[in-house]
Amino acid sequence: MAASGTTDARRRRLLLAAGAALAAPALPLHAHTSSPVPAGGRAVRVIGPWELSALDPLRNGYLFARMQVTETLVGYDAAGLPAPGLAARWQVSPDQLAWRFTLQPGARFHDGSAVQPAHVVAALQRARHAAGMLGVAPIAQIEPTPDGVRIVLTRPFAPLLALLSHSSTQVLAPASFGADGNVRAIIGSGPYRIVDLEPPQRFSIAAHDGWRGPAPAVQRASYLSVGRAEMRALMAEGGQAELAYGLDPGSIARLATSPAVRLHAVTIPRTTALKVNAGHPFLADAAVRRALSQAIDRRGIATAILRDPSLAATQLFPPSLPGWHDDALAPLRFDRDAARAALAQAGWQPGPDGILRRGDARFAITLRTFPDRPELPVIATALQEQFRQVGIAMRVAVGNSGDIPFAHRDGSLDIGLMSRNYGVVPDAFGTMVQDFGGKHGKGGDWGAMGWSDPAVARALAALPATPAGPGARRLRGEIAATLQRDLPLIPVVWYRQTLAASPRLGGVSIDPFERTYRLTDMYWTS
């Protein structure tokens, strides 16, 4: 009874803290209001672990796209097929080099100004920055046309439409930018407009009266960043949020029996993996990286932590990523004895404390991770113990999500535990180029570090000009097989997104590509 009382008291404290966060006055920062907030109607309160660390689409603007404030030229439907966004339609020349996009008639920004071709051109030129994804496309020219935009390529590039759906290409009104060219406000063209903006924690939105489509049933909504997964679950259960993302496995199990929420879940093309510094003297040998992989009991982690053994990752690309997941690959397996033998073959022998030594070197490394995905620190602790059992001492450092990219850039990373979405655009090619296409082993912030392979580079170079079919499948298979062999990233588990929603909301669903929260599909049922 004492334990139960302690738990109840803790929940009450968390709920009171959550209520205080929700009740705190919002301080508008560069808020833009084109008309009064609708007087009637309740607000859908969305909560998640992600902070609004920047307004610039190149750095952090995906939350505005998810809340349907901003638009990209191209969208994607539920089946992962290209769909109209700011472009109503498009066509490509017979040689696949010239693409013409016709803008939606009557598209207007939230300040009332018309969306013009020049605005789209400026957004796309800006998105070609190294921080964006469009920079991987072989673009020779982007120019306005009387009713849209023309993009000229230097060579055929099939993934172009997918890249044009990435949040870094969202189109903002000219008034969004300050005199220095930096983003100072978010004035988009989507069905919702910003009402209050208080980075990094919250913002609120209202339906845009000038939206060219049907008026959404949900007229108001807000987003609040809530750091603790347990608090997010309690807020959903306590009626303090209508949509709660980023739930921990324990809360999911508890909420499954709660009448206060409805759980929605979908497997998405995201993989939790170890990003390995292949330039580290202990980790440069692919045989050692394979030994680390063999030391991981993926099924045990998936069962005990995620409560779903089917999420044990047998390869980097999950089954939810068709075209890249390869059923023919020999699956990654747990074999502790084989791991110990491989480490011994690499010259590592147990020391007096059971930790491996090679000469004067002790096999001690640091794993960095972050709590934005609440299961990551728990998985890190499990990996720490599993690696200890083969003689590797691994310290776990839980910090911010930016720590892994920073440590990649300054070379200080040993291993990072991360969660990578390979469906951030429906064609994974753009993500693959960012992660594995770097020159001289540079790799990407969330991809390879100190590792490169000529076969992967050739396949990535050939893929965009290869028609869909056997040739493209062969190239993707070569990439997957090489990654499975060399393990610059060591897959641990695949991912299932779970959302806790209020039963008062209808039309709730999860976008498997994590591009939108689909607010315009929702309606109040009571």
Protein backbone atom coordinates (compact mmCIF):
# COMPACT_ATOMS: atom_id res chain seq x y z
CA MET A 1 0.00 0.00 0.00
CA ALA A 2 2.88 2.38 0.76
CA ALA A 3 4.30 1.87 -2.73
CA SER A 4 0.90 2.51 -4.27
CA GLY A 5 0.47 5.66 -2.20
CA THR A 6 3.89 6.91 -3.26
CA THR A 7 3.05 6.29 -6.91
CA ASP A 8 -0.29 8.09 -6.60
CA ALA A 9 1.35 11.05 -4.90
CA ARG A 10 3.96 11.24 -7.63
CA ARG A 11 1.25 11.21 -10.28
CA ARG A 12 -0.59 14.02 -8.51
CA ARG A 13 2.60 16.10 -8.42
CA LEU A 14 3.21 15.50 -12.12
CA LEU A 15 -0.37 16.41 -13.01
CA LEU A 16 -0.16 19.61 -10.96
CA ALA A 17 3.08 20.50 -12.73
CA ALA A 18 1.48 19.77 -16.09
CA GLY A 19 -1.50 21.94 -15.19
CA ALA A 20 0.80 24.77 -14.25
CA ALA A 21 2.60 24.46 -17.58
CA LEU A 22 -0.66 24.56 -19.49
CA ALA A 23 -2.00 27.48 -17.47
CA ALA A 24 1.12 29.62 -17.81
CA PRO A 25 0.48 32.67 -19.97
CA ALA A 26 1.74 32.42 -23.51
CA LEU A 27 4.02 35.28 -24.52
CA PRO A 28 3.57 35.98 -28.23
CA LEU A 29 6.85 36.13 -30.12
CA HIS A 30 6.50 37.44 -33.66
CA ALA A 31 2.92 36.15 -33.66
CA HIS A 32 0.93 36.97 -36.74
CA THR A 33 -2.85 37.20 -36.55
CA SER A 34 -4.80 37.89 -39.74
CA SER A 35 -8.22 37.67 -38.07
CA PRO A 36 -9.62 37.11 -34.58
CA VAL A 37 -9.26 33.67 -33.03
CA PRO A 38 -12.55 31.79 -33.56
CA ALA A 39 -14.72 32.55 -30.56
CA GLY A 40 -16.27 29.09 -30.31
CA GLY A 41 -14.78 25.65 -30.41
CA ARG A 42 -12.34 23.80 -28.23
CA ALA A 43 -8.65 23.54 -28.89
CA VAL A 44 -6.95 20.25 -29.63
CA ARG A 45 -3.97 20.20 -27.28
CA VAL A 46 -1.03 18.29 -28.76
CA ILE A 47 1.91 17.33 -26.55
CA GLY A 48 5.19 15.68 -27.43
CA PRO A 49 8.85 15.55 -26.40
CA TRP A 50 10.15 17.75 -29.21
CA GLU A 51 11.18 21.32 -28.54
CA LEU A 52 10.88 24.16 -31.00
CA SER A 53 14.59 24.94 -30.91
CA ALA A 54 14.54 27.14 -34.02
CA LEU A 55 12.08 28.77 -36.41
CA ASP A 56 14.17 28.21 -39.52
CA PRO A 57 12.88 25.29 -41.66
CA LEU A 58 16.47 24.30 -42.32
CA ARG A 59 17.05 23.74 -38.61
CA ASN A 60 13.84 22.76 -36.88
CA GLY A 61 10.69 23.77 -38.75
CA TYR A 62 9.13 20.32 -38.95
CA LEU A 63 6.71 21.03 -36.08
CA PHE A 64 5.05 23.78 -38.13
CA ALA A 65 4.62 21.33 -41.00
CA ARG A 66 3.21 18.68 -38.66
CA MET A 67 0.70 21.18 -37.26
CA GLN A 68 -0.27 22.12 -40.85
CA VAL A 69 0.80 25.74 -40.61
CA THR A 70 3.21 25.55 -43.52
CA GLU A 71 3.20 23.73 -46.85
CA THR A 72 5.71 22.20 -49.20
CA LEU A 73 5.45 22.12 -52.97
CA VAL A 74 4.65 18.40 -52.99
CA GLY A 75 2.78 16.32 -50.42
CA TYR A 76 2.33 12.59 -49.96
CA ASP A 77 -0.79 10.53 -49.43
CA ALA A 78 -1.37 7.71 -46.94
CA ALA A 79 0.03 5.16 -49.40
CA GLY A 80 3.30 7.07 -49.76
CA LEU A 81 2.51 8.35 -53.26
CA PRO A 82 3.15 11.96 -54.38
CA ALA A 83 0.15 14.22 -53.87
CA PRO A 84 -0.53 17.92 -54.47
CA GLY A 85 0.80 20.39 -51.93
CA LEU A 86 1.36 23.99 -52.94
CA ALA A 87 1.70 22.54 -56.43
CA ALA A 88 -1.63 21.49 -57.90
CA ARG A 89 0.07 19.39 -60.58
CA TRP A 90 3.41 18.81 -62.30
CA GLN A 91 4.92 17.34 -65.43
CA VAL A 92 8.39 16.25 -66.48
CA SER A 93 10.06 16.44 -69.88
CA PRO A 94 10.73 13.25 -71.88
CA ASP A 95 14.45 13.43 -71.00
CA GLN A 96 13.54 13.68 -67.28
CA LEU A 97 15.57 16.88 -66.89
CA ALA A 98 12.93 19.64 -66.75
CA TRP A 99 10.12 19.64 -64.19
CA ARG A 100 7.24 22.15 -64.31
CA PHE A 101 5.06 22.71 -61.23
CA THR A 102 1.77 24.60 -61.41
CA LEU A 103 0.81 26.33 -58.16
CA GLN A 104 -2.57 25.97 -56.50
CA PRO A 105 -4.88 28.73 -57.71
CA GLY A 106 -5.84 31.13 -54.95
CA ALA A 107 -3.13 30.03 -52.52
CA ARG A 108 -2.55 32.76 -49.93
CA PHE A 109 -0.24 33.28 -47.01
CA HIS A 110 -1.65 33.98 -43.58
CA ASP A 111 -0.92 37.71 -43.95
CA GLY A 112 -3.30 37.80 -46.92
CA SER A 113 -0.63 38.05 -49.61
CA ALA A 114 -0.76 35.71 -52.60
CA VAL A 115 1.70 32.84 -52.89
CA GLN A 116 3.74 33.78 -55.95
CA PRO A 117 6.18 31.69 -57.99
CA ALA A 118 9.07 33.88 -56.84
CA HIS A 119 8.32 33.00 -53.21
CA VAL A 120 8.52 29.30 -53.98
CA VAL A 121 11.76 29.74 -55.92
CA ALA A 122 13.29 31.60 -52.97
CA ALA A 123 12.27 28.82 -50.57
CA LEU A 124 13.72 26.10 -52.79
CA GLN A 125 16.97 27.98 -53.35
CA ARG A 126 17.27 28.39 -49.60
CA ALA A 127 16.60 24.67 -49.06
CA ARG A 128 19.62 23.78 -51.20
CA HIS A 129 21.78 24.69 -48.22
CA ALA A 130 23.86 21.86 -46.80
CA ALA A 131 21.55 21.71 -43.77
CA GLY A 132 18.59 20.86 -46.01
CA MET A 133 17.85 17.78 -48.06
CA LEU A 134 17.31 19.39 -51.45
CA GLY A 135 21.05 19.96 -51.78
CA VAL A 136 21.57 16.33 -52.80
CA ALA A 137 19.54 16.86 -55.99
CA PRO A 138 21.51 17.69 -59.18
CA ILE A 139 19.73 21.00 -59.78
CA ALA A 140 21.04 23.30 -62.49
CA GLN A 141 18.35 25.97 -62.28
CA ILE A 142 15.17 26.93 -60.42
CA GLU A 143 13.12 29.64 -62.08
CA PRO A 144 9.62 31.10 -61.82
CA THR A 145 7.03 30.63 -64.55
CA PRO A 146 3.79 32.61 -64.96
CA ASP A 147 1.83 30.04 -62.96
CA GLY A 148 4.48 28.10 -61.06
CA VAL A 149 8.07 26.91 -60.95
CA ARG A 150 10.45 25.20 -63.35
CA ILE A 151 13.33 23.05 -62.06
CA VAL A 152 16.08 21.99 -64.46
CA LEU A 153 18.36 19.09 -63.54
CA THR A 154 21.82 18.18 -64.79
CA ARG A 155 20.83 14.51 -64.90
CA PRO A 156 17.65 12.48 -64.29
CA PHE A 157 16.82 12.30 -60.60
CA ALA A 158 13.79 10.19 -59.69
CA PRO A 159 13.67 11.13 -55.95
CA LEU A 160 13.06 14.84 -56.71
CA LEU A 161 9.37 14.77 -55.75
CA ALA A 162 10.19 13.10 -52.43
CA LEU A 163 12.80 15.74 -51.60
CA LEU A 164 10.32 18.51 -52.42
CA SER A 165 8.08 17.17 -49.66
CA HIS A 166 10.74 17.54 -46.95
CA SER A 167 9.99 20.08 -44.23
CA SER A 168 13.17 22.02 -45.02
CA THR A 169 11.51 23.09 -48.30
CA GLN A 170 8.40 24.62 -46.69
CA VAL A 171 7.41 27.94 -48.24
CA LEU A 172 7.15 31.02 -46.01
CA ALA A 173 5.84 34.50 -46.83
CA PRO A 174 8.45 37.23 -47.40
CA ALA A 175 7.27 38.90 -44.17
CA SER A 176 8.58 35.88 -42.26
CA PHE A 177 12.15 37.09 -42.75
CA GLY A 178 14.01 39.90 -41.06
CA ALA A 179 16.31 42.37 -42.77
CA ASP A 180 19.21 40.01 -42.09
CA GLY A 181 17.49 37.17 -43.96
CA ASN A 182 16.83 35.12 -40.83
CA VAL A 183 13.40 33.69 -40.05
CA ARG A 184 11.64 35.99 -37.56
CA ALA A 185 8.03 34.79 -37.87
CA ILE A 186 6.13 31.84 -39.28
CA ILE A 187 3.70 33.02 -41.93
CA GLY A 188 2.75 29.98 -43.96
CA SER A 189 -0.07 29.05 -46.33
CA GLY A 190 -1.54 25.98 -44.63
CA PRO A 191 -5.01 25.51 -43.16
CA TYR A 192 -3.83 26.83 -39.78
CA ARG A 193 -2.09 30.08 -38.82
CA ILE A 194 0.10 30.92 -35.83
CA VAL A 195 -1.67 32.77 -33.02
CA ASP A 196 0.90 32.62 -30.22
CA LEU A 197 4.50 31.52 -30.46
CA GLU A 198 6.68 30.89 -27.42
CA PRO A 199 9.82 28.94 -28.37
CA PRO A 200 11.07 26.51 -27.39
CA GLN A 201 8.09 25.11 -25.52
CA ARG A 202 4.78 25.99 -27.13
CA PHE A 203 2.73 27.60 -29.85
CA SER A 204 -0.96 27.82 -30.66
CA ILE A 205 -2.78 27.93 -33.97
CA ALA A 206 -6.22 28.75 -35.39
CA ALA A 207 -7.95 27.95 -38.65
CA HIS A 208 -6.91 30.25 -41.50
CA ASP A 209 -9.95 32.03 -42.93
CA GLY A 210 -8.25 32.35 -46.31
CA TRP A 211 -7.53 28.62 -46.67
CA ARG A 212 -8.41 27.48 -50.18
CA GLY A 213 -9.80 24.13 -49.03
CA PRO A 214 -12.70 23.09 -46.80
CA ALA A 215 -12.76 24.69 -43.35
CA PRO A 216 -11.40 22.19 -40.79
CA ALA A 217 -13.73 20.93 -38.08
CA VAL A 218 -10.98 21.52 -35.53
CA GLN A 219 -10.71 25.30 -35.43
CA ARG A 220 -8.02 25.71 -32.78
CA ALA A 221 -5.05 23.69 -31.58
CA SER A 222 -1.83 24.06 -29.63
CA TYR A 223 1.47 22.27 -29.25
CA LEU A 224 3.35 21.95 -25.95
CA SER A 225 6.73 20.33 -25.44
CA VAL A 226 6.65 18.12 -22.33
CA GLY A 227 9.97 16.54 -21.48
CA ARG A 228 8.94 13.58 -19.33
CA ALA A 229 7.20 10.64 -20.99
CA GLU A 230 5.37 9.74 -17.78
CA MET A 231 3.95 13.26 -17.55
CA ARG A 232 2.75 13.12 -21.15
CA ALA A 233 0.87 9.91 -20.41
CA LEU A 234 -0.67 11.35 -17.24
CA MET A 235 -1.73 14.52 -19.04
CA ALA A 236 -3.49 12.47 -21.71
CA GLU A 237 -5.19 10.29 -19.11
CA GLY A 238 -6.14 13.31 -17.01
CA GLY A 239 -7.79 15.16 -19.90
CA GLN A 240 -5.07 17.82 -20.13
CA ALA A 241 -4.14 16.88 -23.71
CA GLU A 242 -6.10 15.47 -26.62
CA LEU A 243 -3.10 14.03 -28.49
CA ALA A 244 0.03 12.74 -26.72
CA TYR A 245 3.06 11.55 -28.69
CA GLY A 246 6.29 9.97 -27.46
CA LEU A 247 4.93 7.52 -24.89
CA ASP A 248 7.14 5.13 -22.96
CA PRO A 249 6.38 1.38 -23.11
CA GLY A 250 5.27 1.21 -19.48
CA SER A 251 2.75 3.99 -19.95
CA ILE A 252 1.48 2.41 -23.15
CA ALA A 253 0.76 -0.82 -21.29
CA ARG A 254 -1.09 1.08 -18.57
CA LEU A 255 -3.07 3.31 -20.94
CA ALA A 256 -4.20 0.29 -22.96
CA THR A 257 -6.71 -0.47 -20.20
CA SER A 258 -7.72 3.13 -19.50
CA PRO A 259 -11.14 4.35 -20.69
CA ALA A 260 -9.80 7.92 -20.68
CA VAL A 261 -7.78 7.51 -23.87
CA ARG A 262 -7.68 5.58 -27.10
CA LEU A 263 -4.35 4.26 -28.29
CA HIS A 264 -3.40 4.38 -31.96
CA ALA A 265 -0.28 2.59 -33.17
CA VAL A 266 1.47 2.08 -36.49
CA THR A 267 4.85 0.63 -37.43
CA ILE A 268 6.90 3.33 -39.09
CA PRO A 269 10.17 3.24 -41.07
CA ARG A 270 12.28 4.21 -38.07
CA THR A 271 15.15 2.20 -36.60
CA THR A 272 16.86 2.48 -33.23
CA ALA A 273 20.53 1.86 -33.90
CA LEU A 274 24.04 2.35 -32.60
CA LYS A 275 25.99 4.95 -34.54
CA VAL A 276 29.57 3.70 -34.34
CA ASN A 277 32.69 5.80 -34.78
CA ALA A 278 34.51 3.53 -37.22
CA GLY A 279 37.55 5.75 -36.87
CA HIS A 280 37.91 4.87 -33.19
CA PRO A 281 40.90 2.54 -32.65
CA PHE A 282 38.72 0.00 -30.81
CA LEU A 283 35.89 0.10 -33.37
CA ALA A 284 37.66 0.48 -36.71
CA ASP A 285 37.71 -3.29 -37.36
CA ALA A 286 34.44 -4.46 -38.94
CA ALA A 287 34.91 -7.79 -37.13
CA VAL A 288 34.73 -5.94 -33.80
CA ARG A 289 31.58 -4.10 -34.88
CA ARG A 290 30.07 -7.46 -35.84
CA ALA A 291 31.02 -8.79 -32.41
CA LEU A 292 29.17 -5.88 -30.80
CA SER A 293 26.16 -6.76 -32.94
CA GLN A 294 26.35 -10.42 -31.89
CA ALA A 295 26.44 -9.35 -28.23
CA ILE A 296 23.02 -7.66 -28.53
CA ASP A 297 19.97 -9.64 -27.48
CA ARG A 298 17.55 -7.75 -29.70
CA ARG A 299 14.62 -10.02 -29.06
CA GLY A 300 15.14 -9.67 -25.33
CA ILE A 301 15.22 -5.87 -25.60
CA ALA A 302 12.18 -5.77 -27.87
CA THR A 303 10.24 -8.07 -25.55
CA ALA A 304 11.21 -6.60 -22.19
CA ILE A 305 11.31 -2.90 -23.10
CA LEU A 306 9.07 -2.45 -26.15
CA ARG A 307 6.84 -5.41 -25.22
CA ASP A 308 6.82 -6.59 -28.83
CA PRO A 309 9.40 -9.21 -29.92
CA SER A 310 8.59 -8.59 -33.60
CA LEU A 311 10.38 -5.23 -33.34
CA ALA A 312 13.81 -6.89 -32.93
CA ALA A 313 15.81 -5.47 -35.84
CA THR A 314 17.36 -8.14 -38.05
CA GLN A 315 18.67 -5.46 -40.46
CA LEU A 316 18.84 -1.67 -40.67
CA PHE A 317 15.77 -1.16 -42.85
CA PRO A 318 12.44 -2.27 -41.33
CA PRO A 319 9.73 -4.12 -43.27
CA SER A 320 7.76 -0.85 -43.32
CA LEU A 321 10.33 0.50 -45.81
CA PRO A 322 9.55 -1.45 -48.99
CA GLY A 323 12.26 -1.39 -51.61
CA TRP A 324 15.01 -1.14 -48.99
CA HIS A 325 14.14 -3.94 -46.57
CA ASP A 326 15.67 -7.11 -48.03
CA ASP A 327 14.18 -10.44 -46.97
CA ALA A 328 17.14 -12.23 -48.59
CA LEU A 329 19.67 -10.77 -46.13
CA ALA A 330 21.00 -13.11 -43.46
CA PRO A 331 19.49 -11.70 -40.26
CA LEU A 332 21.59 -10.24 -37.47
CA ARG A 333 21.66 -12.76 -34.62
CA PHE A 334 22.42 -12.82 -30.91
CA ASP A 335 25.42 -15.09 -30.21
CA ARG A 336 27.42 -14.13 -27.14
CA ASP A 337 29.97 -16.93 -27.57
CA ALA A 338 30.65 -15.90 -31.16
CA ALA A 339 31.06 -12.29 -30.01
CA ARG A 340 33.64 -13.31 -27.40
CA ALA A 341 35.52 -15.42 -29.95
CA ALA A 342 35.60 -12.58 -32.50
CA LEU A 343 36.90 -10.14 -29.91
CA ALA A 344 39.60 -12.61 -28.91
CA GLN A 345 40.54 -13.02 -32.57
CA ALA A 346 40.95 -9.23 -32.73
CA GLY A 347 43.47 -9.42 -29.89
CA TRP A 348 41.24 -8.59 -26.91
CA GLN A 349 41.71 -10.69 -23.77
CA PRO A 350 39.92 -10.47 -20.39
CA GLY A 351 41.73 -8.44 -17.73
CA PRO A 352 41.64 -8.98 -13.95
CA ASP A 353 38.31 -7.12 -13.71
CA GLY A 354 36.75 -9.06 -16.59
CA ILE A 355 37.04 -6.13 -18.99
CA LEU A 356 38.91 -6.82 -22.21
CA ARG A 357 42.42 -5.53 -22.71
CA ARG A 358 44.72 -5.33 -25.71
CA GLY A 359 48.19 -4.35 -24.66
CA ASP A 360 47.80 -1.32 -22.41
CA ALA A 361 44.35 -0.47 -23.80
CA ARG A 362 41.22 -1.28 -21.81
CA PHE A 363 38.03 -1.73 -23.87
CA ALA A 364 36.11 1.14 -22.26
CA ILE A 365 33.87 3.38 -24.36
CA THR A 366 31.08 5.93 -23.86
CA LEU A 367 27.60 5.66 -25.33
CA ARG A 368 25.67 8.92 -25.80
CA THR A 369 21.90 9.01 -26.06
CA PHE A 370 18.96 11.29 -25.25
CA PRO A 371 15.47 11.00 -23.72
CA ASP A 372 13.39 12.55 -26.55
CA ARG A 373 12.46 8.99 -27.46
CA PRO A 374 11.72 7.72 -23.93
CA GLU A 375 12.83 4.16 -24.61
CA LEU A 376 16.38 5.16 -25.61
CA PRO A 377 17.92 5.54 -22.12
CA VAL A 378 16.33 2.24 -21.05
CA ILE A 379 17.69 0.45 -24.11
CA ALA A 380 21.10 2.03 -23.44
CA THR A 381 21.14 0.53 -19.95
CA ALA A 382 20.28 -2.90 -21.35
CA LEU A 383 23.08 -2.62 -23.93
CA GLN A 384 25.50 -1.57 -21.21
CA GLU A 385 24.87 -4.86 -19.39
CA GLN A 386 24.92 -6.97 -22.55
CA PHE A 387 28.26 -5.50 -23.62
CA ARG A 388 29.66 -6.00 -20.10
CA GLN A 389 28.95 -9.70 -20.47
CA VAL A 390 31.39 -9.90 -23.39
CA GLY A 391 34.00 -7.79 -21.59
CA ILE A 392 33.25 -4.26 -22.82
CA ALA A 393 32.91 -1.45 -20.27
CA MET A 394 30.45 1.10 -21.61
CA ARG A 395 29.52 4.29 -19.80
CA VAL A 396 26.07 5.69 -20.68
CA ALA A 397 25.76 9.47 -21.01
CA VAL A 398 22.18 10.75 -21.37
CA GLY A 399 22.12 14.30 -22.72
CA ASN A 400 20.44 16.31 -25.44
CA SER A 401 19.57 15.08 -28.93
CA GLY A 402 22.09 17.54 -30.35
CA ASP A 403 24.98 15.92 -28.49
CA ILE A 404 25.38 13.12 -31.05
CA PRO A 405 25.68 15.42 -34.11
CA PHE A 406 28.07 17.71 -32.21
CA ALA A 407 30.22 14.76 -31.14
CA HIS A 408 30.16 13.48 -34.73
CA ARG A 409 31.48 16.79 -36.01
CA ASP A 410 34.23 17.23 -33.42
CA GLY A 411 35.23 13.55 -33.56
CA SER A 412 34.61 12.85 -29.87
CA LEU A 413 31.82 10.30 -30.33
CA ASP A 414 32.50 6.66 -29.47
CA ILE A 415 28.98 5.26 -29.91
CA GLY A 416 25.60 6.96 -30.06
CA LEU A 417 22.21 5.33 -29.53
CA MET A 418 19.69 7.07 -31.75
CA SER A 419 16.40 6.62 -33.56
CA ARG A 420 16.53 7.36 -37.29
CA ASN A 421 13.46 7.80 -39.49
CA TYR A 422 14.26 6.52 -42.99
CA GLY A 423 10.83 7.64 -44.17
CA VAL A 424 11.25 11.33 -43.38
CA VAL A 425 10.54 11.60 -47.09
CA PRO A 426 8.73 8.62 -48.61
CA ASP A 427 11.72 7.78 -50.81
CA ALA A 428 14.56 6.95 -48.41
CA PHE A 429 17.19 7.95 -50.97
CA GLY A 430 17.64 11.48 -49.62
CA THR A 431 18.24 10.21 -46.10
CA MET A 432 20.64 7.57 -47.39
CA VAL A 433 22.72 10.16 -49.22
CA GLN A 434 22.87 12.32 -46.10
CA ASP A 435 23.86 9.37 -43.91
CA PHE A 436 26.22 7.41 -46.15
CA GLY A 437 27.10 9.65 -49.08
CA GLY A 438 29.71 11.82 -47.41
CA LYS A 439 33.14 12.03 -48.97
CA HIS A 440 36.30 10.71 -47.30
CA GLY A 441 34.35 8.84 -44.63
CA LYS A 442 32.75 12.00 -43.27
CA GLY A 443 29.26 10.49 -43.32
CA GLY A 444 26.34 12.34 -41.76
CA ASP A 445 25.24 13.55 -38.34
CA TRP A 446 22.88 10.58 -37.97
CA GLY A 447 24.71 8.21 -40.30
CA ALA A 448 28.15 6.73 -40.78
CA MET A 449 31.18 8.12 -38.96
CA GLY A 450 34.68 7.34 -40.17
CA TRP A 451 33.31 4.83 -42.67
CA SER A 452 32.70 4.84 -46.39
CA ASP A 453 32.49 2.21 -49.10
CA PRO A 454 33.04 2.62 -52.85
CA ALA A 455 30.25 0.17 -53.73
CA VAL A 456 27.74 2.14 -51.65
CA ALA A 457 28.92 5.40 -53.23
CA ARG A 458 28.53 3.96 -56.75
CA ALA A 459 25.08 2.57 -55.98
CA LEU A 460 23.89 5.87 -54.50
CA ALA A 461 25.21 7.71 -57.55
CA ALA A 462 23.44 5.34 -59.95
CA LEU A 463 20.07 5.03 -58.18
CA PRO A 464 18.48 8.38 -59.12
CA ALA A 465 18.81 7.70 -62.84
CA THR A 466 17.79 4.05 -62.63
CA PRO A 467 14.14 3.31 -63.51
CA ALA A 468 12.02 1.59 -60.90
CA GLY A 469 12.30 -2.16 -61.28
CA PRO A 470 14.98 -4.87 -61.07
CA GLY A 471 17.89 -2.49 -61.60
CA ALA A 472 16.89 -0.20 -58.74
CA ARG A 473 16.17 -3.16 -56.48
CA ARG A 474 19.63 -4.57 -57.20
CA LEU A 475 21.32 -1.28 -56.28
CA ARG A 476 19.34 -0.93 -53.07
CA GLY A 477 20.18 -4.55 -52.27
CA GLU A 478 23.90 -3.84 -52.70
CA ILE A 479 23.66 -0.95 -50.25
CA ALA A 480 21.71 -2.98 -47.69
CA ALA A 481 24.11 -5.93 -47.96
CA THR A 482 27.18 -3.74 -47.48
CA LEU A 483 25.67 -2.04 -44.43
CA GLN A 484 24.77 -5.47 -43.03
CA ARG A 485 28.35 -6.65 -43.54
CA ASP A 486 30.29 -3.63 -42.25
CA LEU A 487 27.79 -2.31 -39.67
CA PRO A 488 28.70 1.39 -39.55
CA LEU A 489 25.31 1.54 -37.84
CA ILE A 490 24.32 -1.42 -35.68
CA PRO A 491 20.53 -1.92 -35.73
CA VAL A 492 18.87 -2.74 -32.41
CA VAL A 493 15.09 -2.47 -32.76
CA TRP A 494 12.50 -1.19 -35.19
CA TYR A 495 9.86 1.30 -34.13
CA ARG A 496 6.15 1.47 -33.54
CA GLN A 497 4.67 4.94 -33.07
CA THR A 498 1.94 5.03 -30.43
CA LEU A 499 -0.41 7.95 -29.89
CA ALA A 500 -2.77 8.47 -26.95
CA ALA A 501 -5.88 10.34 -28.11
CA SER A 502 -8.96 11.65 -26.40
CA PRO A 503 -12.08 9.57 -27.11
CA ARG A 504 -13.83 12.88 -27.81
CA LEU A 505 -11.85 13.20 -31.05
CA GLY A 506 -12.77 11.36 -34.22
CA GLY A 507 -10.72 10.96 -37.39
CA VAL A 508 -7.47 10.41 -35.47
CA SER A 509 -4.71 8.55 -37.31
CA ILE A 510 -0.92 8.44 -37.46
CA ASP A 511 1.08 9.46 -40.50
CA PRO A 512 3.71 6.70 -40.92
CA PHE A 513 6.07 9.25 -42.48
CA GLU A 514 5.71 11.60 -39.46
CA ARG A 515 5.05 14.58 -41.75
CA THR A 516 1.71 15.69 -40.29
CA TYR A 517 -0.55 15.24 -37.29
CA ARG A 518 -3.56 15.26 -39.67
CA LEU A 519 -5.50 17.83 -37.66
CA THR A 520 -7.72 18.64 -40.64
CA ASP A 521 -9.02 15.06 -40.64
CA MET A 522 -10.21 15.31 -37.03
CA TYR A 523 -13.53 16.33 -35.53
CA TRP A 524 -15.14 16.48 -32.12
CA THR A 525 -17.45 13.58 -31.32
CA SER A 526 -18.76 15.00 -28.04
